[in-house]
Amino acid sequence: MAKKQPATDQAQQPRFEQAVERLEAIVRALEEGELGLDEALGRYEEGVKMLRHAHALLERAERRVELLTGIDPEGRPQTEPFDDRATESA
């Protein structure tokens, strides 16, 4: 299980969109093949870090999804937590 980071560390982490943009830039730089070995390895490691971060953010968002199950007599939505176990093996 992933460790929770202190609030100050989380504030410094990129948002999902920023992580994906950085990852795309890293992939482009690596595909161009103009980096030296040390720099390419550094970028690769940074890319892996961005990928893990983005994946963790997606998992967190998925767990927050709720299913709308109906509406009560007062017109308020009735929800239940999304059961992600059905998609784990997919």
Protein backbone atom coordinates (compact mmCIF):
# COMPACT_ATOMS: atom_id res chain seq x y z
CA MET A 1 0.00 0.00 0.00
CA ALA A 2 1.29 3.46 -0.84
CA LYS A 3 2.42 5.64 2.03
CA LYS A 4 0.55 8.86 2.65
CA GLN A 5 2.72 11.88 2.08
CA PRO A 6 2.70 14.87 4.40
CA ALA A 7 0.49 17.75 3.24
CA THR A 8 3.52 19.86 2.32
CA ASP A 9 4.84 17.12 0.01
CA GLN A 10 1.43 16.68 -1.60
CA ALA A 11 1.19 20.42 -2.29
CA GLN A 12 4.51 20.22 -4.17
CA GLN A 13 3.42 17.24 -6.28
CA PRO A 14 2.19 18.03 -9.80
CA ARG A 15 -1.49 17.76 -10.65
CA PHE A 16 -2.49 14.90 -12.96
CA GLU A 17 -2.47 17.06 -16.08
CA GLN A 18 0.95 18.48 -15.21
CA ALA A 19 2.36 14.99 -14.62
CA VAL A 20 1.04 13.77 -17.99
CA GLU A 21 2.43 16.83 -19.79
CA ARG A 22 5.84 16.30 -18.21
CA LEU A 23 5.74 12.60 -19.05
CA GLU A 24 4.92 13.41 -22.69
CA ALA A 25 7.84 15.85 -22.84
CA ILE A 26 10.18 13.22 -21.42
CA VAL A 27 9.02 10.63 -23.95
CA ARG A 28 9.56 13.08 -26.82
CA ALA A 29 13.08 13.89 -25.60
CA LEU A 30 13.94 10.21 -25.29
CA GLU A 31 12.50 9.37 -28.71
CA GLU A 32 14.55 12.11 -30.35
CA GLY A 33 17.67 10.25 -29.27
CA GLU A 34 19.78 13.37 -28.80
CA LEU A 35 20.37 12.98 -25.05
CA GLY A 36 23.53 11.56 -23.58
CA LEU A 37 23.29 8.32 -21.63
CA ASP A 38 23.33 9.93 -18.18
CA GLU A 39 20.73 12.51 -19.13
CA ALA A 40 18.54 9.89 -20.83
CA LEU A 41 18.66 7.69 -17.73
CA GLY A 42 17.78 10.66 -15.53
CA ARG A 43 14.83 11.55 -17.74
CA TYR A 44 13.71 7.91 -17.81
CA GLU A 45 13.76 7.77 -14.01
CA GLU A 46 11.81 11.03 -13.84
CA GLY A 47 9.31 9.61 -16.33
CA VAL A 48 8.78 6.52 -14.20
CA LYS A 49 8.18 8.77 -11.19
CA MET A 50 5.64 10.88 -13.14
CA LEU A 51 3.90 7.74 -14.40
CA ARG A 52 3.57 6.32 -10.89
CA HIS A 53 2.31 9.64 -9.57
CA ALA A 54 -0.31 9.96 -12.33
CA HIS A 55 -1.43 6.36 -11.78
CA ALA A 56 -1.80 6.98 -8.04
CA LEU A 57 -3.92 10.07 -8.73
CA LEU A 58 -6.14 8.07 -11.08
CA GLU A 59 -6.59 5.33 -8.48
CA ARG A 60 -7.52 7.92 -5.85
CA ALA A 61 -10.05 9.52 -8.20
CA GLU A 62 -11.55 6.15 -9.09
CA ARG A 63 -12.15 5.36 -5.44
CA ARG A 64 -14.08 8.61 -5.03
CA VAL A 65 -16.57 7.75 -7.79
CA GLU A 66 -20.06 7.01 -6.58
CA LEU A 67 -22.89 5.40 -8.47
CA LEU A 68 -26.22 7.12 -8.66
CA THR A 69 -28.74 4.51 -7.50
CA GLY A 70 -31.89 6.62 -7.51
CA ILE A 71 -33.61 9.66 -6.13
CA ASP A 72 -35.39 9.84 -2.79
CA PRO A 73 -38.92 11.28 -2.40
CA GLU A 74 -37.47 14.74 -1.70
CA GLY A 75 -35.53 14.69 -4.98
CA ARG A 76 -32.09 14.15 -3.45
CA PRO A 77 -29.75 11.78 -5.26
CA GLN A 78 -29.08 8.41 -3.62
CA THR A 79 -25.57 7.10 -4.15
CA GLU A 80 -23.40 4.18 -3.15
CA PRO A 81 -19.63 3.75 -3.43
CA PHE A 82 -18.31 2.44 -6.71
CA ASP A 83 -17.25 -1.21 -6.45
CA ASP A 84 -13.90 -1.26 -8.24
CA ARG A 85 -13.29 -4.95 -7.53
CA ALA A 86 -15.17 -5.82 -10.72
CA THR A 87 -12.60 -3.91 -12.81
CA GLU A 88 -9.44 -5.06 -11.00
CA SER A 89 -9.05 -8.25 -13.03
CA ALA A 90 -9.89 -6.58 -16.34
